[in-house]
Amino acid sequence: MKIGKLGGLLFGLLALGAGLFALTWGIQGGLASLASKNWPTSEGTITQSELEKQRKKGGAASTQRRNRFTYTPRITYEFKVDGQSYTGTRLSFSDYATSNEDQMQQVLAPYPVGTIVNVHYDPDKPTECALQTGFGWTPVAITGAGCLLSFIGSIALVGSIRRKS
């Protein structure tokens, strides 16, 4: 089945647009994760601490047909900046999710409900906050995916423009 010039252009534009969006999002996240090392802190309190369990379906291979679970820590905390109350949910700039329940329990262990914590927050936007600061791999992965999608979209656009219908 031929996609045609218009289909190629549409695919290229969509891939390039998605790639640029992911690239921008990843770079912003990366810059925030690096800047967070210098954010001020405020005392906060853990108000929710639980492990979220989600069922993930396996692939087509026989070893993947059984259902598996992914565990993600869900933490909520409250803190104040200049008398204003805020609520945060970011643990760090890296996403925590794995099929290893014990590993996620260890991540969650230091944060039982009622624990007093230091909350790092962006002084210009206190809603941007985290319990753990510094470099995170998630923004790097998003930036990489953005680069790849942008590249694929650009190649598709150039190929479609050069194509003689």
N, C-alpha and C. Protein backbone atom coordinates (compact mmCIF):
# COMPACT_ATOMS: atom_id res chain seq x y z
N MET A 1 0.84 -1.17 0.00
CA MET A 1 0.00 0.00 0.00
C MET A 1 0.89 1.24 0.00
N LYS A 2 0.62 2.15 -0.91
CA LYS A 2 1.40 3.37 -0.99
C LYS A 2 0.77 4.44 -0.09
N ILE A 3 1.64 5.13 0.60
CA ILE A 3 1.16 6.20 1.48
C ILE A 3 0.92 7.46 0.67
N GLY A 4 1.76 7.71 -0.28
CA GLY A 4 1.64 8.91 -1.10
C GLY A 4 2.32 10.10 -0.45
N LYS A 5 2.44 11.13 -1.25
CA LYS A 5 3.15 12.33 -0.81
C LYS A 5 2.44 13.01 0.36
N LEU A 6 1.13 13.13 0.29
CA LEU A 6 0.38 13.80 1.36
C LEU A 6 0.47 13.02 2.67
N GLY A 7 0.37 11.69 2.58
CA GLY A 7 0.50 10.85 3.77
C GLY A 7 1.88 10.97 4.40
N GLY A 8 2.91 11.00 3.56
CA GLY A 8 4.28 11.16 4.04
C GLY A 8 4.47 12.50 4.71
N LEU A 9 3.90 13.54 4.11
CA LEU A 9 3.99 14.88 4.71
C LEU A 9 3.29 14.92 6.07
N LEU A 10 2.10 14.32 6.11
CA LEU A 10 1.34 14.30 7.36
C LEU A 10 2.08 13.53 8.44
N PHE A 11 2.60 12.34 8.08
CA PHE A 11 3.37 11.56 9.04
C PHE A 11 4.60 12.34 9.52
N GLY A 12 5.31 12.94 8.58
CA GLY A 12 6.50 13.72 8.93
C GLY A 12 6.19 14.86 9.87
N LEU A 13 5.12 15.59 9.58
CA LEU A 13 4.73 16.71 10.44
C LEU A 13 4.33 16.25 11.84
N LEU A 14 3.57 15.16 11.90
CA LEU A 14 3.15 14.64 13.21
C LEU A 14 4.35 14.14 14.02
N ALA A 15 5.24 13.39 13.37
CA ALA A 15 6.42 12.87 14.08
C ALA A 15 7.33 14.01 14.51
N LEU A 16 7.52 14.98 13.64
CA LEU A 16 8.36 16.13 13.98
C LEU A 16 7.74 16.93 15.13
N GLY A 17 6.43 17.15 15.06
CA GLY A 17 5.75 17.88 16.13
C GLY A 17 5.84 17.16 17.46
N ALA A 18 5.59 15.85 17.45
CA ALA A 18 5.70 15.06 18.69
C ALA A 18 7.13 15.06 19.20
N GLY A 19 8.09 14.96 18.28
CA GLY A 19 9.49 14.96 18.67
C GLY A 19 9.91 16.28 19.29
N LEU A 20 9.49 17.39 18.69
CA LEU A 20 9.83 18.70 19.25
C LEU A 20 9.18 18.92 20.61
N PHE A 21 7.94 18.42 20.75
CA PHE A 21 7.27 18.52 22.06
C PHE A 21 8.04 17.74 23.11
N ALA A 22 8.40 16.49 22.80
CA ALA A 22 9.14 15.66 23.75
C ALA A 22 10.51 16.25 24.04
N LEU A 23 11.15 16.77 23.02
CA LEU A 23 12.47 17.38 23.18
C LEU A 23 12.39 18.57 24.13
N THR A 24 11.40 19.43 23.93
CA THR A 24 11.22 20.59 24.80
C THR A 24 10.92 20.16 26.23
N TRP A 25 10.01 19.19 26.38
CA TRP A 25 9.63 18.70 27.70
C TRP A 25 10.83 18.07 28.41
N GLY A 26 11.60 17.28 27.68
CA GLY A 26 12.77 16.64 28.27
C GLY A 26 13.84 17.63 28.69
N ILE A 27 14.10 18.61 27.85
CA ILE A 27 15.11 19.61 28.19
C ILE A 27 14.67 20.43 29.40
N GLN A 28 13.41 20.82 29.44
CA GLN A 28 12.90 21.57 30.60
C GLN A 28 13.03 20.74 31.87
N GLY A 29 12.68 19.47 31.79
CA GLY A 29 12.80 18.59 32.95
C GLY A 29 14.25 18.41 33.39
N GLY A 30 15.14 18.28 32.41
CA GLY A 30 16.56 18.14 32.71
C GLY A 30 17.12 19.38 33.38
N LEU A 31 16.75 20.55 32.85
CA LEU A 31 17.22 21.80 33.45
C LEU A 31 16.68 21.97 34.87
N ALA A 32 15.40 21.61 35.06
CA ALA A 32 14.81 21.71 36.40
C ALA A 32 15.49 20.74 37.36
N SER A 33 15.80 19.52 36.88
CA SER A 33 16.44 18.55 37.77
C SER A 33 17.81 19.04 38.20
N LEU A 34 18.54 19.67 37.31
CA LEU A 34 19.86 20.22 37.66
C LEU A 34 19.73 21.44 38.57
N ALA A 35 18.77 22.31 38.27
CA ALA A 35 18.56 23.51 39.09
C ALA A 35 18.07 23.16 40.49
N SER A 36 17.39 22.03 40.62
CA SER A 36 16.79 21.67 41.92
C SER A 36 17.83 21.50 43.01
N LYS A 37 19.07 21.23 42.63
CA LYS A 37 20.15 21.10 43.63
C LYS A 37 20.31 22.38 44.45
N ASN A 38 19.96 23.52 43.86
CA ASN A 38 20.11 24.81 44.53
C ASN A 38 18.81 25.38 45.06
N TRP A 39 17.73 24.62 44.97
CA TRP A 39 16.45 25.11 45.48
C TRP A 39 16.48 25.20 47.00
N PRO A 40 15.76 26.17 47.55
CA PRO A 40 15.63 26.22 49.00
C PRO A 40 14.72 25.09 49.48
N THR A 41 14.71 24.87 50.79
CA THR A 41 13.86 23.82 51.35
C THR A 41 12.89 24.40 52.36
N SER A 42 11.83 23.67 52.57
CA SER A 42 10.84 23.99 53.58
C SER A 42 10.45 22.68 54.26
N GLU A 43 10.14 22.76 55.52
CA GLU A 43 9.73 21.56 56.24
C GLU A 43 8.32 21.17 55.79
N GLY A 44 8.17 19.89 55.52
CA GLY A 44 6.87 19.39 55.09
C GLY A 44 6.52 18.11 55.82
N THR A 45 5.32 17.64 55.58
CA THR A 45 4.82 16.43 56.23
C THR A 45 4.24 15.49 55.17
N ILE A 46 4.60 14.22 55.25
CA ILE A 46 4.04 13.21 54.35
C ILE A 46 2.59 12.97 54.75
N THR A 47 1.68 13.12 53.78
CA THR A 47 0.25 12.91 54.04
C THR A 47 -0.29 11.64 53.38
N GLN A 48 0.45 11.12 52.41
CA GLN A 48 0.05 9.86 51.76
C GLN A 48 1.33 9.15 51.35
N SER A 49 1.36 7.85 51.58
CA SER A 49 2.52 7.04 51.20
C SER A 49 2.03 5.63 50.94
N GLU A 50 1.98 5.27 49.66
CA GLU A 50 1.49 3.94 49.31
C GLU A 50 2.13 3.47 48.02
N LEU A 51 2.06 2.18 47.82
CA LEU A 51 2.59 1.57 46.62
C LEU A 51 1.42 1.28 45.68
N GLU A 52 1.47 1.84 44.50
CA GLU A 52 0.42 1.60 43.51
C GLU A 52 0.80 0.37 42.69
N LYS A 53 -0.12 -0.55 42.59
CA LYS A 53 0.10 -1.81 41.86
C LYS A 53 -0.79 -1.80 40.62
N GLN A 54 -0.15 -1.93 39.45
CA GLN A 54 -0.90 -1.94 38.20
C GLN A 54 -0.59 -3.22 37.43
N ARG A 55 -1.62 -3.82 36.90
CA ARG A 55 -1.47 -5.03 36.09
C ARG A 55 -1.03 -4.64 34.69
N LYS A 56 0.02 -5.30 34.22
CA LYS A 56 0.52 -5.07 32.86
C LYS A 56 0.41 -6.37 32.10
N LYS A 57 -0.17 -6.32 30.93
CA LYS A 57 -0.30 -7.51 30.09
C LYS A 57 1.04 -7.78 29.41
N GLY A 58 1.36 -9.06 29.28
CA GLY A 58 2.60 -9.46 28.63
C GLY A 58 2.47 -9.41 27.12
N GLY A 59 3.56 -9.65 26.42
CA GLY A 59 3.60 -9.64 24.96
C GLY A 59 3.16 -10.97 24.39
N ALA A 60 3.46 -11.18 23.13
CA ALA A 60 3.01 -12.37 22.42
C ALA A 60 3.83 -13.61 22.77
N ALA A 61 5.05 -13.43 23.21
CA ALA A 61 5.90 -14.58 23.53
C ALA A 61 5.30 -15.38 24.69
N SER A 62 5.47 -16.69 24.65
CA SER A 62 4.84 -17.55 25.66
C SER A 62 5.30 -17.21 27.08
N THR A 63 6.54 -16.76 27.22
CA THR A 63 7.03 -16.41 28.56
C THR A 63 6.44 -15.11 29.06
N GLN A 64 5.82 -14.33 28.17
CA GLN A 64 5.25 -13.05 28.57
C GLN A 64 3.73 -13.08 28.63
N ARG A 65 3.12 -14.23 28.43
CA ARG A 65 1.67 -14.29 28.40
C ARG A 65 1.03 -14.09 29.76
N ARG A 66 1.74 -14.45 30.80
CA ARG A 66 1.16 -14.27 32.12
C ARG A 66 1.15 -12.78 32.47
N ASN A 67 0.22 -12.42 33.30
CA ASN A 67 0.12 -11.02 33.71
C ASN A 67 1.23 -10.68 34.70
N ARG A 68 1.71 -9.47 34.61
CA ARG A 68 2.73 -9.00 35.53
C ARG A 68 2.23 -7.70 36.15
N PHE A 69 2.89 -7.32 37.22
CA PHE A 69 2.51 -6.09 37.90
C PHE A 69 3.66 -5.10 37.87
N THR A 70 3.31 -3.84 37.86
CA THR A 70 4.28 -2.77 37.99
C THR A 70 3.94 -2.03 39.26
N TYR A 71 4.96 -1.69 40.04
CA TYR A 71 4.77 -0.99 41.31
C TYR A 71 5.36 0.41 41.22
N THR A 72 4.59 1.38 41.66
CA THR A 72 5.02 2.77 41.65
C THR A 72 4.72 3.40 43.00
N PRO A 73 5.72 4.03 43.64
CA PRO A 73 5.43 4.71 44.91
C PRO A 73 4.61 5.97 44.66
N ARG A 74 3.59 6.17 45.47
CA ARG A 74 2.76 7.38 45.41
C ARG A 74 2.89 8.09 46.75
N ILE A 75 3.50 9.25 46.70
CA ILE A 75 3.75 10.01 47.92
C ILE A 75 3.15 11.40 47.74
N THR A 76 2.47 11.87 48.77
CA THR A 76 1.94 13.23 48.80
C THR A 76 2.45 13.90 50.07
N TYR A 77 2.81 15.16 49.95
CA TYR A 77 3.31 15.89 51.11
C TYR A 77 2.79 17.33 51.06
N GLU A 78 2.72 17.92 52.23
CA GLU A 78 2.29 19.31 52.35
C GLU A 78 3.42 20.12 52.96
N PHE A 79 3.55 21.36 52.51
CA PHE A 79 4.57 22.25 53.03
C PHE A 79 4.12 23.70 52.86
N LYS A 80 4.82 24.61 53.50
CA LYS A 80 4.48 26.03 53.40
C LYS A 80 5.69 26.83 52.94
N VAL A 81 5.39 27.84 52.12
CA VAL A 81 6.39 28.80 51.69
C VAL A 81 5.78 30.19 51.89
N ASP A 82 6.42 31.01 52.69
CA ASP A 82 5.91 32.36 52.99
C ASP A 82 4.46 32.34 53.45
N GLY A 83 4.11 31.38 54.28
CA GLY A 83 2.77 31.29 54.84
C GLY A 83 1.74 30.65 53.92
N GLN A 84 2.09 30.40 52.68
CA GLN A 84 1.17 29.80 51.71
C GLN A 84 1.37 28.28 51.73
N SER A 85 0.26 27.52 51.80
CA SER A 85 0.33 26.06 51.82
C SER A 85 0.39 25.49 50.41
N TYR A 86 1.20 24.45 50.26
CA TYR A 86 1.35 23.77 48.98
C TYR A 86 1.30 22.26 49.20
N THR A 87 0.93 21.55 48.15
CA THR A 87 0.93 20.09 48.16
C THR A 87 1.82 19.62 47.01
N GLY A 88 2.65 18.64 47.29
CA GLY A 88 3.53 18.09 46.26
C GLY A 88 3.40 16.59 46.17
N THR A 89 3.77 16.05 45.01
CA THR A 89 3.72 14.60 44.80
C THR A 89 5.00 14.05 44.16
N ARG A 90 5.91 14.93 43.77
CA ARG A 90 7.13 14.45 43.10
C ARG A 90 8.13 13.96 44.14
N LEU A 91 8.55 12.72 43.97
CA LEU A 91 9.59 12.17 44.82
C LEU A 91 10.94 12.65 44.29
N SER A 92 11.18 12.45 42.98
CA SER A 92 12.44 12.88 42.37
C SER A 92 12.20 13.14 40.89
N PHE A 93 13.26 13.50 40.19
CA PHE A 93 13.14 13.77 38.76
C PHE A 93 13.33 12.51 37.92
N SER A 94 13.48 11.38 38.56
CA SER A 94 13.47 10.09 37.87
C SER A 94 12.21 9.36 38.27
N ASP A 95 11.56 8.76 37.29
CA ASP A 95 10.36 7.99 37.60
C ASP A 95 10.76 6.69 38.27
N TYR A 96 9.99 6.34 39.27
CA TYR A 96 10.18 5.07 39.94
C TYR A 96 9.03 4.16 39.55
N ALA A 97 9.32 3.09 38.85
CA ALA A 97 8.33 2.08 38.53
C ALA A 97 9.09 0.82 38.13
N THR A 98 8.71 -0.29 38.70
CA THR A 98 9.36 -1.55 38.39
C THR A 98 8.45 -2.70 38.76
N SER A 99 8.78 -3.88 38.28
CA SER A 99 8.02 -5.06 38.65
C SER A 99 8.54 -5.67 39.96
N ASN A 100 9.58 -5.08 40.53
CA ASN A 100 10.17 -5.57 41.77
C ASN A 100 9.53 -4.86 42.96
N GLU A 101 8.57 -5.52 43.59
CA GLU A 101 7.83 -4.91 44.69
C GLU A 101 8.74 -4.57 45.87
N ASP A 102 9.67 -5.47 46.20
CA ASP A 102 10.58 -5.22 47.32
C ASP A 102 11.42 -3.96 47.10
N GLN A 103 11.89 -3.77 45.89
CA GLN A 103 12.67 -2.58 45.57
C GLN A 103 11.85 -1.31 45.78
N MET A 104 10.61 -1.32 45.35
CA MET A 104 9.76 -0.14 45.52
C MET A 104 9.38 0.08 46.98
N GLN A 105 9.24 -1.01 47.75
CA GLN A 105 8.98 -0.86 49.19
C GLN A 105 10.16 -0.15 49.86
N GLN A 106 11.39 -0.45 49.41
CA GLN A 106 12.57 0.21 49.95
C GLN A 106 12.59 1.69 49.61
N VAL A 107 12.13 2.05 48.40
CA VAL A 107 12.06 3.45 48.00
C VAL A 107 11.04 4.18 48.88
N LEU A 108 9.95 3.52 49.19
CA LEU A 108 8.86 4.11 49.96
C LEU A 108 9.14 4.14 51.47
N ALA A 109 9.98 3.24 51.96
CA ALA A 109 10.21 3.06 53.39
C ALA A 109 10.56 4.34 54.16
N PRO A 110 11.38 5.24 53.63
CA PRO A 110 11.72 6.44 54.40
C PRO A 110 10.59 7.46 54.51
N TYR A 111 9.45 7.21 53.86
CA TYR A 111 8.39 8.21 53.78
C TYR A 111 7.04 7.74 54.31
N PRO A 112 6.96 7.20 55.53
CA PRO A 112 5.64 6.84 56.05
C PRO A 112 4.82 8.10 56.35
N VAL A 113 3.50 7.94 56.36
CA VAL A 113 2.61 9.07 56.65
C VAL A 113 2.99 9.66 58.01
N GLY A 114 3.04 11.00 58.05
CA GLY A 114 3.38 11.72 59.27
C GLY A 114 4.85 12.10 59.39
N THR A 115 5.69 11.54 58.52
CA THR A 115 7.13 11.85 58.57
C THR A 115 7.37 13.30 58.17
N ILE A 116 8.25 13.97 58.92
CA ILE A 116 8.67 15.32 58.59
C ILE A 116 9.81 15.22 57.57
N VAL A 117 9.69 15.95 56.47
CA VAL A 117 10.67 15.88 55.39
C VAL A 117 11.10 17.29 54.97
N ASN A 118 12.25 17.38 54.32
CA ASN A 118 12.67 18.62 53.69
C ASN A 118 12.17 18.60 52.25
N VAL A 119 11.36 19.58 51.91
CA VAL A 119 10.81 19.69 50.56
C VAL A 119 11.62 20.76 49.82
N HIS A 120 12.20 20.37 48.70
CA HIS A 120 12.93 21.31 47.86
C HIS A 120 11.92 21.92 46.88
N TYR A 121 11.95 23.24 46.72
CA TYR A 121 10.97 23.88 45.85
C TYR A 121 11.63 24.99 45.03
N ASP A 122 11.06 25.21 43.86
CA ASP A 122 11.51 26.29 42.99
C ASP A 122 11.05 27.60 43.62
N PRO A 123 11.96 28.50 43.96
CA PRO A 123 11.55 29.74 44.63
C PRO A 123 10.63 30.62 43.77
N ASP A 124 10.69 30.47 42.46
CA ASP A 124 9.82 31.25 41.57
C ASP A 124 8.46 30.59 41.36
N LYS A 125 8.39 29.29 41.64
CA LYS A 125 7.14 28.53 41.44
C LYS A 125 7.12 27.36 42.41
N PRO A 126 6.72 27.61 43.67
CA PRO A 126 6.78 26.56 44.70
C PRO A 126 5.98 25.29 44.40
N THR A 127 5.07 25.34 43.43
CA THR A 127 4.36 24.12 43.06
C THR A 127 5.30 23.13 42.38
N GLU A 128 6.43 23.61 41.89
CA GLU A 128 7.48 22.73 41.35
C GLU A 128 8.36 22.34 42.53
N CYS A 129 8.22 21.12 42.99
CA CYS A 129 8.90 20.70 44.21
C CYS A 129 9.25 19.22 44.13
N ALA A 130 10.15 18.80 45.01
CA ALA A 130 10.58 17.40 45.04
C ALA A 130 11.20 17.10 46.39
N LEU A 131 11.13 15.84 46.79
CA LEU A 131 11.79 15.41 48.03
C LEU A 131 13.26 15.10 47.77
N GLN A 132 13.57 14.60 46.59
CA GLN A 132 14.95 14.29 46.22
C GLN A 132 15.30 15.14 45.00
N THR A 133 16.47 15.76 45.03
CA THR A 133 16.84 16.67 43.95
C THR A 133 18.00 16.11 43.14
N GLY A 134 18.31 16.83 42.09
CA GLY A 134 19.46 16.49 41.27
C GLY A 134 19.09 15.77 40.00
N PHE A 135 20.11 15.33 39.32
CA PHE A 135 19.99 14.70 38.01
C PHE A 135 19.03 13.53 38.03
N GLY A 136 18.21 13.43 36.98
CA GLY A 136 17.30 12.31 36.82
C GLY A 136 17.38 11.76 35.41
N TRP A 137 17.24 10.45 35.27
CA TRP A 137 17.32 9.82 33.95
C TRP A 137 16.07 9.99 33.11
N THR A 138 14.93 10.25 33.74
CA THR A 138 13.69 10.38 32.98
C THR A 138 13.76 11.52 31.96
N PRO A 139 14.22 12.73 32.35
CA PRO A 139 14.34 13.79 31.33
C PRO A 139 15.30 13.43 30.20
N VAL A 140 16.34 12.67 30.50
CA VAL A 140 17.28 12.25 29.46
C VAL A 140 16.58 11.32 28.47
N ALA A 141 15.79 10.38 28.98
CA ALA A 141 15.07 9.45 28.11
C ALA A 141 14.05 10.19 27.24
N ILE A 142 13.34 11.15 27.83
CA ILE A 142 12.35 11.92 27.07
C ILE A 142 13.05 12.76 25.99
N THR A 143 14.18 13.35 26.33
CA THR A 143 14.94 14.13 25.36
C THR A 143 15.44 13.24 24.22
N GLY A 144 15.93 12.06 24.56
CA GLY A 144 16.39 11.12 23.54
C GLY A 144 15.27 10.71 22.61
N ALA A 145 14.10 10.42 23.18
CA ALA A 145 12.94 10.05 22.35
C ALA A 145 12.54 11.22 21.45
N GLY A 146 12.62 12.43 21.99
CA GLY A 146 12.30 13.62 21.20
C GLY A 146 13.25 13.80 20.03
N CYS A 147 14.54 13.56 20.27
CA CYS A 147 15.53 13.63 19.19
C CYS A 147 15.23 12.61 18.10
N LEU A 148 14.94 11.38 18.52
CA LEU A 148 14.66 10.32 17.56
C LEU A 148 13.41 10.62 16.74
N LEU A 149 12.33 11.02 17.40
CA LEU A 149 11.10 11.36 16.67
C LEU A 149 11.30 12.54 15.73
N SER A 150 12.04 13.55 16.18
CA SER A 150 12.31 14.72 15.34
C SER A 150 13.11 14.31 14.10
N PHE A 151 14.09 13.44 14.29
CA PHE A 151 14.90 12.95 13.18
C PHE A 151 14.03 12.18 12.18
N ILE A 152 13.23 11.26 12.69
CA ILE A 152 12.35 10.47 11.82
C ILE A 152 11.38 11.37 11.07
N GLY A 153 10.79 12.32 11.78
CA GLY A 153 9.87 13.26 11.14
C GLY A 153 10.54 14.09 10.06
N SER A 154 11.76 14.55 10.34
CA SER A 154 12.50 15.35 9.36
C SER A 154 12.81 14.54 8.11
N ILE A 155 13.25 13.29 8.31
CA ILE A 155 13.55 12.41 7.17
C ILE A 155 12.28 12.17 6.35
N ALA A 156 11.16 11.93 7.01
CA ALA A 156 9.90 11.70 6.30
C ALA A 156 9.47 12.94 5.53
N LEU A 157 9.64 14.11 6.12
CA LEU A 157 9.27 15.35 5.42
C LEU A 157 10.15 15.57 4.19
N VAL A 158 11.45 15.44 4.35
CA VAL A 158 12.36 15.63 3.22
C VAL A 158 12.07 14.61 2.12
N GLY A 159 11.86 13.36 2.51
CA GLY A 159 11.53 12.34 1.52
C GLY A 159 10.23 12.62 0.78
N SER A 160 9.24 13.12 1.51
CA SER A 160 7.95 13.41 0.89
C SER A 160 8.04 14.62 -0.05
N ILE A 161 8.81 15.60 0.36
CA ILE A 161 8.96 16.80 -0.49
C ILE A 161 9.70 16.47 -1.78
N ARG A 162 10.70 15.59 -1.67
CA ARG A 162 11.49 15.20 -2.84
C ARG A 162 10.75 14.21 -3.76
N ARG A 163 9.76 13.52 -3.19
CA ARG A 163 9.05 12.48 -3.94
C ARG A 163 8.27 13.13 -5.09
N LYS A 164 8.32 12.48 -6.22
CA LYS A 164 7.53 12.93 -7.38
C LYS A 164 6.27 12.09 -7.40
N SER A 165 5.15 12.72 -7.17
CA SER A 165 3.88 11.99 -7.16
C SER A 165 3.61 11.58 -8.54
